[in-house]
Amino acid sequence: MTDLAPRPGSRRTDLDLLRVVACFAIIVAHATLIFTSEPRYHVKSASPHLLPTVIYEAFRIGTIPLFFALAGWGSVVALRRRSGARFLRDRAERILLPLVAGILLLGPIIRFIELQQGRNIGLGGWRLVDPLTTGLLEFLPRYWGRLNLLTWSHLWFLAYLFIISVVLLPLLQHLARQVVSMRMPGRMLAFLPAPALAVVAVAGDAYWPNLSNLVQDWGSLVFYAACVALGAWLAAWPGLEGRLRQDAPLFLALAALGFALMVAAPDSVTGRIGVGLCAWGAIGASFGYAGRHPPAASRALSWLGGSTMAVYVLHHVPLLLIAAALLPLAMPGAAAWAIIVVATTAITLAAYRWLVEPFAAPRLLVGMPRRKA
């Protein structure tokens, strides 16, 4: 059965849609994180609640492995038409440069807001501190002059992805050279990555605590590298994507089962088994349902798809500024959350449209390709 498998060379509007949805989900997740019991964040509500905590975990496990899988898929496609050296140069321009630029240009604002809130998130975790009383202009040279103040915040994803891209390059090249197979695998093989990811998560103590600082997070780095490898496997074997499409409801059920284990027993062997099951279930269901119902190509989808990298890089600053302004007003949490999500999305897309998209330098700094002449 190959009729469900994607045709090589065709425009993948389903994956364009996945990237857009996953990017918006990151904004929603960060807005939700403000109201959770997870203490490691730049701005926190004084009244955390259980429901946002559970919702945030669903977004976190549902979107981050998917992002890495999409990156693996895209890496194999890119390596089919360029050398390994060219691929690494492209990764440096599209991932490493935005990471460095973000640390230097966005990092001081994020750290300034964080310290104003009386919080300090560093390599060793987080701690409460006396709120910062200096102004931003006075803080800037202090930030740039002290290594322990530098932060990559949400841009940890770029750091992890660059390292993974370098380490997995031989595997990615191998998969890119393979003859594309339209043969649909059996169900057992298609679900095998779920227990494999569970083993990786348990062996590396991955996912918890939510530090994303490399120093104490090697287990998660390996786990996300496995997600990249699985995304690359999907690109090399369209027939496997056909299986995901056929069994999308089963993958969704697998994700639900894994998430239930995560919620029932967080930061434990059982919880990490749930992380592995949920991650592959979420990847499989996302690829499967998007492939079942691909949207028609349109200018809007193309524009939104092209904006995702810039939106990911830029969204955190307006989100934190809005949150820091709203929380002292003591409005209902749901109302504050909705305003943060909507306003952040609108401001970030506007910044992309009028401050980034038309200009060469901002495009380069957020990892976008150069404009075609």
Protein backbone atom coordinates (compact mmCIF):
# COMPACT_ATOMS: atom_id res chain seq x y z
CA MET A 1 0.00 0.00 0.00
CA THR A 2 1.67 3.22 -1.18
CA ASP A 3 -1.25 5.49 -1.98
CA LEU A 4 -1.00 7.21 1.41
CA ALA A 5 2.73 7.92 1.09
CA PRO A 6 3.78 11.47 0.09
CA ARG A 7 5.16 11.81 -3.43
CA PRO A 8 8.84 12.82 -3.54
CA GLY A 9 9.38 16.30 -4.93
CA SER A 10 5.84 17.51 -4.28
CA ARG A 11 5.20 20.70 -2.31
CA ARG A 12 4.66 19.72 1.32
CA THR A 13 1.99 22.16 2.41
CA ASP A 14 1.19 19.76 5.26
CA LEU A 15 4.64 20.35 6.75
CA ASP A 16 4.36 24.10 6.15
CA LEU A 17 1.18 24.00 8.22
CA LEU A 18 2.86 21.91 10.93
CA ARG A 19 5.65 24.47 11.25
CA VAL A 20 3.16 27.33 11.57
CA VAL A 21 1.03 25.49 14.14
CA ALA A 22 4.08 24.39 16.15
CA CYS A 23 5.46 27.95 16.18
CA PHE A 24 2.15 29.36 17.43
CA ALA A 25 2.02 26.56 20.01
CA ILE A 26 5.36 27.76 21.38
CA ILE A 27 3.87 31.21 21.97
CA VAL A 28 0.89 29.64 23.71
CA ALA A 29 3.19 27.41 25.78
CA HIS A 30 5.34 30.32 26.97
CA ALA A 31 2.26 32.36 27.87
CA THR A 32 0.89 29.37 29.77
CA LEU A 33 4.19 28.79 31.56
CA ILE A 34 3.72 32.09 33.40
CA PHE A 35 0.79 30.59 35.32
CA THR A 36 2.22 27.12 36.05
CA SER A 37 3.94 25.66 39.10
CA GLU A 38 7.20 25.33 37.11
CA PRO A 39 9.46 27.95 38.80
CA ARG A 40 12.09 28.24 36.05
CA TYR A 41 10.81 31.14 34.00
CA HIS A 42 11.55 34.82 33.62
CA VAL A 43 8.11 36.11 34.68
CA LYS A 44 5.76 34.20 36.99
CA SER A 45 2.28 34.73 38.31
CA ALA A 46 2.01 34.84 42.08
CA SER A 47 -0.87 32.32 41.86
CA PRO A 48 0.13 29.20 39.90
CA HIS A 49 -2.60 26.74 39.00
CA LEU A 50 -2.76 23.03 38.22
CA LEU A 51 -4.64 23.34 34.91
CA PRO A 52 -2.08 25.63 33.21
CA THR A 53 0.67 23.34 34.52
CA VAL A 54 -0.89 20.31 32.82
CA ILE A 55 -1.64 22.27 29.64
CA TYR A 56 1.93 23.57 29.47
CA GLU A 57 3.36 20.06 29.75
CA ALA A 58 1.09 18.96 26.90
CA PHE A 59 2.38 21.78 24.70
CA ARG A 60 5.98 21.16 25.71
CA ILE A 61 6.03 17.42 24.92
CA GLY A 62 3.77 17.90 21.90
CA THR A 63 5.75 20.64 20.14
CA ILE A 64 9.46 20.42 21.01
CA PRO A 65 10.03 16.83 19.76
CA LEU A 66 7.99 17.76 16.67
CA PHE A 67 10.22 20.78 16.03
CA PHE A 68 13.30 18.56 16.17
CA ALA A 69 11.68 15.93 13.94
CA LEU A 70 10.80 18.59 11.37
CA ALA A 71 14.40 19.80 11.51
CA GLY A 72 15.63 16.25 10.83
CA TRP A 73 13.23 15.91 7.89
CA GLY A 74 14.39 19.21 6.44
CA SER A 75 18.06 18.31 6.93
CA VAL A 76 17.78 15.19 4.77
CA VAL A 77 15.94 17.12 2.05
CA ALA A 78 18.65 19.80 2.13
CA LEU A 79 21.49 17.25 1.97
CA ARG A 80 20.04 15.73 -1.20
CA ARG A 81 21.04 18.88 -3.07
CA ARG A 82 24.15 20.12 -1.25
CA SER A 83 27.41 18.85 0.22
CA GLY A 84 28.02 18.26 3.91
CA ALA A 85 30.33 21.28 4.08
CA ARG A 86 27.72 23.50 2.45
CA PHE A 87 25.08 22.11 4.80
CA LEU A 88 27.18 22.98 7.87
CA ARG A 89 27.86 26.47 6.54
CA ASP A 90 24.12 26.90 6.03
CA ARG A 91 23.48 25.64 9.60
CA ALA A 92 25.98 28.18 10.91
CA GLU A 93 24.24 31.01 9.05
CA ARG A 94 20.68 29.89 9.77
CA ILE A 95 21.10 28.61 13.35
CA LEU A 96 24.38 29.71 14.96
CA LEU A 97 24.23 33.35 13.85
CA PRO A 98 20.65 33.90 15.16
CA LEU A 99 21.70 32.23 18.42
CA VAL A 100 24.63 34.60 18.93
CA ALA A 101 22.64 37.62 17.75
CA GLY A 102 19.79 36.68 20.06
CA ILE A 103 22.08 36.31 23.08
CA LEU A 104 23.63 39.73 22.43
CA LEU A 105 20.58 41.72 21.27
CA LEU A 106 17.52 40.07 22.81
CA GLY A 107 19.22 38.47 25.81
CA PRO A 108 19.81 41.74 27.70
CA ILE A 109 16.12 42.66 27.54
CA ILE A 110 15.06 39.17 28.66
CA ARG A 111 17.60 39.15 31.51
CA PHE A 112 16.62 42.70 32.50
CA ILE A 113 12.94 41.72 32.79
CA GLU A 114 13.87 38.56 34.69
CA LEU A 115 16.00 40.42 37.25
CA GLN A 116 13.36 43.13 37.60
CA GLN A 117 11.00 40.34 38.65
CA GLY A 118 13.45 39.29 41.36
CA ARG A 119 14.43 36.07 39.59
CA ASN A 120 17.79 34.77 38.39
CA ILE A 121 17.95 31.76 36.07
CA GLY A 122 21.46 30.44 35.49
CA LEU A 123 23.46 27.29 34.84
CA GLY A 124 22.72 25.97 38.31
CA GLY A 125 18.97 26.48 38.12
CA TRP A 126 17.08 29.46 39.49
CA ARG A 127 16.91 31.53 42.66
CA LEU A 128 15.07 34.52 44.02
CA VAL A 129 17.09 37.75 44.21
CA ASP A 130 16.46 41.37 45.10
CA PRO A 131 14.63 43.00 42.16
CA LEU A 132 16.85 44.99 39.83
CA THR A 133 16.45 48.74 40.31
CA THR A 134 18.69 50.10 37.55
CA GLY A 135 17.39 51.13 34.14
CA LEU A 136 17.86 49.17 30.94
CA LEU A 137 20.46 51.52 29.46
CA GLU A 138 22.53 51.26 32.62
CA PHE A 139 22.11 47.47 32.64
CA LEU A 140 23.23 46.90 29.03
CA PRO A 141 27.02 47.33 29.50
CA ARG A 142 26.79 45.25 32.65
CA TYR A 143 25.11 42.44 30.70
CA TRP A 144 27.60 42.50 27.84
CA GLY A 145 30.54 42.67 30.24
CA ARG A 146 29.66 39.75 32.54
CA LEU A 147 29.60 36.20 31.23
CA ASN A 148 27.32 34.96 34.01
CA LEU A 149 24.57 37.38 32.92
CA LEU A 150 24.40 36.15 29.32
CA THR A 151 21.27 34.15 28.52
CA TRP A 152 20.03 32.24 25.49
CA SER A 153 16.58 31.81 27.07
CA HIS A 154 14.23 30.22 24.50
CA LEU A 155 17.05 30.12 21.94
CA TRP A 156 18.42 26.99 23.63
CA PHE A 157 16.62 25.15 20.82
CA LEU A 158 19.03 26.66 18.28
CA ALA A 159 22.09 25.69 20.34
CA TYR A 160 20.89 22.12 20.71
CA LEU A 161 19.92 21.86 17.05
CA PHE A 162 23.30 23.10 15.84
CA ILE A 163 25.18 20.59 18.00
CA ILE A 164 22.87 17.78 16.89
CA SER A 165 23.25 18.78 13.21
CA VAL A 166 27.04 18.54 13.47
CA VAL A 167 27.11 15.27 15.41
CA LEU A 168 24.47 13.54 13.27
CA LEU A 169 25.82 14.78 9.91
CA PRO A 170 27.15 11.33 8.82
CA LEU A 171 23.77 9.73 9.56
CA LEU A 172 21.87 12.54 7.83
CA GLN A 173 24.09 12.23 4.76
CA HIS A 174 23.61 8.46 4.71
CA LEU A 175 19.83 8.81 4.80
CA ALA A 176 19.93 11.52 2.12
CA ARG A 177 21.77 9.11 -0.21
CA GLN A 178 19.26 6.30 0.22
CA VAL A 179 16.85 5.38 -2.55
CA VAL A 180 13.45 6.71 -1.52
CA SER A 181 11.14 3.85 -0.55
CA MET A 182 7.39 4.10 -1.01
CA ARG A 183 6.81 0.72 0.65
CA MET A 184 4.63 1.05 3.72
CA PRO A 185 6.13 -0.74 6.75
CA GLY A 186 4.23 -2.92 9.16
CA ARG A 187 2.57 -1.39 12.17
CA MET A 188 5.04 -2.88 14.65
CA LEU A 189 8.04 -1.22 12.98
CA ALA A 190 6.22 2.11 12.78
CA PHE A 191 5.54 2.08 16.53
CA LEU A 192 9.00 0.79 17.52
CA PRO A 193 10.49 4.31 17.99
CA ALA A 194 8.12 4.87 20.95
CA PRO A 195 9.77 2.35 23.31
CA ALA A 196 13.16 3.30 21.87
CA LEU A 197 12.61 6.94 22.86
CA ALA A 198 11.38 5.77 26.25
CA VAL A 199 14.66 3.89 26.79
CA VAL A 200 16.66 6.97 25.76
CA ALA A 201 14.67 9.18 28.14
CA VAL A 202 15.05 6.78 31.08
CA ALA A 203 18.74 6.06 30.47
CA GLY A 204 19.63 9.75 30.22
CA ASP A 205 17.29 11.10 32.93
CA ALA A 206 15.95 13.32 30.19
CA TYR A 207 13.22 15.99 30.16
CA TRP A 208 13.21 16.81 33.89
CA PRO A 209 14.28 19.21 35.33
CA ASN A 210 13.47 21.78 32.65
CA LEU A 211 16.88 23.47 32.49
CA SER A 212 17.97 23.40 28.81
CA ASN A 213 21.47 24.58 29.68
CA LEU A 214 23.57 21.71 28.22
CA VAL A 215 25.65 21.50 31.40
CA GLN A 216 22.99 19.52 33.29
CA ASP A 217 20.87 18.49 30.34
CA TRP A 218 22.86 16.00 28.28
CA GLY A 219 20.10 13.42 28.57
CA SER A 220 17.63 15.76 26.90
CA LEU A 221 20.18 16.63 24.20
CA VAL A 222 20.48 12.93 23.31
CA PHE A 223 16.71 12.53 23.44
CA TYR A 224 16.17 15.42 21.03
CA ALA A 225 18.94 14.09 18.79
CA ALA A 226 16.92 10.88 18.55
CA CYS A 227 13.90 12.96 17.48
CA VAL A 228 15.99 14.59 14.75
CA ALA A 229 17.13 11.15 13.59
CA LEU A 230 13.52 9.96 13.46
CA GLY A 231 12.49 12.98 11.41
CA ALA A 232 15.35 12.23 9.02
CA TRP A 233 14.17 8.61 8.79
CA LEU A 234 10.73 9.86 7.77
CA ALA A 235 12.26 11.95 4.98
CA ALA A 236 14.18 8.93 3.69
CA TRP A 237 11.17 6.63 3.80
CA PRO A 238 7.93 8.21 2.51
CA GLY A 239 6.24 4.86 2.94
CA LEU A 240 6.67 5.24 6.68
CA GLU A 241 4.85 8.56 6.50
CA GLY A 242 2.09 6.68 4.73
CA ARG A 243 1.84 4.39 7.74
CA LEU A 244 1.65 7.41 10.05
CA ARG A 245 -1.22 8.76 7.97
CA GLN A 246 -3.06 5.47 8.04
CA ASP A 247 -2.60 4.99 11.78
CA ALA A 248 -2.85 8.63 12.89
CA PRO A 249 -5.64 7.88 15.42
CA LEU A 250 -3.49 5.17 17.01
CA PHE A 251 -0.54 7.55 17.29
CA LEU A 252 -2.80 10.12 18.93
CA ALA A 253 -3.93 7.46 21.41
CA LEU A 254 -0.26 6.60 22.08
CA ALA A 255 0.47 10.28 22.77
CA ALA A 256 -2.46 10.43 25.19
CA LEU A 257 -1.26 7.31 27.01
CA GLY A 258 2.27 8.67 27.31
CA PHE A 259 1.01 12.02 28.55
CA ALA A 260 -1.14 10.34 31.19
CA LEU A 261 1.99 8.57 32.49
CA MET A 262 3.87 11.88 32.53
CA VAL A 263 1.17 13.62 34.53
CA ALA A 264 0.72 10.70 36.92
CA ALA A 265 4.41 10.26 37.72
CA PRO A 266 6.54 13.26 36.68
CA ASP A 267 10.33 13.14 37.05
CA SER A 268 10.39 9.37 37.46
CA VAL A 269 11.12 6.25 35.42
CA THR A 270 7.41 5.88 34.69
CA GLY A 271 7.13 9.53 33.71
CA ARG A 272 10.10 9.28 31.36
CA ILE A 273 8.63 6.19 29.73
CA GLY A 274 5.59 8.39 29.16
CA VAL A 275 7.83 11.09 27.64
CA GLY A 276 9.14 8.65 25.03
CA LEU A 277 5.71 7.28 24.19
CA CYS A 278 4.13 10.72 24.04
CA ALA A 279 6.91 12.22 21.91
CA TRP A 280 6.68 9.61 19.16
CA GLY A 281 2.89 9.56 19.42
CA ALA A 282 2.78 13.34 18.97
CA ILE A 283 5.21 13.24 16.03
CA GLY A 284 3.30 10.40 14.38
CA ALA A 285 -0.11 11.98 14.91
CA SER A 286 1.12 15.40 13.70
CA PHE A 287 2.70 14.07 10.51
CA GLY A 288 -0.22 11.68 10.04
CA TYR A 289 -3.14 14.07 10.40
CA ALA A 290 -1.38 16.91 8.54
CA GLY A 291 -0.62 14.50 5.69
CA ARG A 292 -4.21 13.25 5.65
CA HIS A 293 -5.56 16.78 5.31
CA PRO A 294 -2.92 18.94 3.60
CA PRO A 295 -4.01 22.53 3.06
CA ALA A 296 -4.11 24.03 -0.39
CA ALA A 297 -1.09 26.11 -1.33
CA SER A 298 -1.76 29.79 -0.72
CA ARG A 299 0.11 33.06 -0.32
CA ALA A 300 -0.98 33.27 3.32
CA LEU A 301 0.38 29.82 4.17
CA SER A 302 3.60 30.54 2.29
CA TRP A 303 4.05 33.85 4.14
CA LEU A 304 3.30 32.35 7.54
CA GLY A 305 5.59 29.41 6.82
CA GLY A 306 8.39 31.77 5.91
CA SER A 307 7.88 33.73 9.13
CA THR A 308 8.26 30.85 11.60
CA MET A 309 11.99 31.18 12.26
CA ALA A 310 11.75 34.93 12.79
CA VAL A 311 8.66 34.58 14.97
CA TYR A 312 10.36 31.96 17.11
CA VAL A 313 13.45 34.13 17.61
CA LEU A 314 11.59 37.39 18.27
CA HIS A 315 8.42 36.47 20.17
CA HIS A 316 9.87 36.12 23.66
CA VAL A 317 10.71 39.79 24.21
CA PRO A 318 7.20 41.18 23.55
CA LEU A 319 5.65 38.26 25.45
CA LEU A 320 7.68 38.98 28.58
CA LEU A 321 7.18 42.74 28.33
CA ILE A 322 3.41 42.30 28.05
CA ALA A 323 3.31 39.79 30.89
CA ALA A 324 5.40 42.00 33.17
CA ALA A 325 3.01 44.89 32.50
CA LEU A 326 -0.20 42.87 32.98
CA LEU A 327 0.53 40.76 36.05
CA PRO A 328 0.59 43.68 38.54
CA LEU A 329 -2.93 44.62 37.40
CA ALA A 330 -4.31 41.53 39.16
CA MET A 331 -6.77 40.76 36.35
CA PRO A 332 -8.17 37.23 36.02
CA GLY A 333 -5.50 34.81 34.89
CA ALA A 334 -7.43 33.61 31.85
CA ALA A 335 -7.90 37.18 30.61
CA ALA A 336 -4.22 38.01 31.10
CA TRP A 337 -3.22 34.81 29.32
CA ALA A 338 -5.46 35.57 26.33
CA ILE A 339 -4.12 39.12 26.02
CA ILE A 340 -0.53 37.88 26.21
CA VAL A 341 -1.10 35.29 23.47
CA VAL A 342 -2.99 37.56 21.08
CA ALA A 343 -0.84 40.65 21.59
CA THR A 344 2.42 38.72 21.34
CA THR A 345 1.34 37.04 18.12
CA ALA A 346 0.18 40.31 16.56
CA ILE A 347 3.25 42.30 17.59
CA THR A 348 5.70 39.60 16.49
CA LEU A 349 4.07 39.14 13.09
CA ALA A 350 4.00 42.92 12.62
CA ALA A 351 7.69 43.14 13.51
CA TYR A 352 8.42 40.39 11.02
CA ARG A 353 6.39 42.06 8.27
CA TRP A 354 7.73 45.58 8.59
CA LEU A 355 11.08 45.32 10.39
CA VAL A 356 12.54 41.99 9.27
CA GLU A 357 11.15 40.68 6.00
CA PRO A 358 12.05 43.65 3.76
CA PHE A 359 15.63 44.12 4.98
CA ALA A 360 18.78 42.05 4.44
CA ALA A 361 20.48 42.52 7.82
CA PRO A 362 17.49 41.65 10.06
CA ARG A 363 16.72 38.65 7.85
CA LEU A 364 20.27 37.41 8.33
CA LEU A 365 20.14 37.91 12.11
CA VAL A 366 16.98 35.82 12.53
CA GLY A 367 18.18 32.99 10.29
CA MET A 368 16.13 33.71 7.20
CA PRO A 369 17.47 33.11 3.68
CA ARG A 370 18.56 36.06 1.62
CA ARG A 371 15.90 37.63 -0.58
CA LYS A 372 15.96 36.50 -4.18
CA ALA A 373 17.05 39.17 -6.61
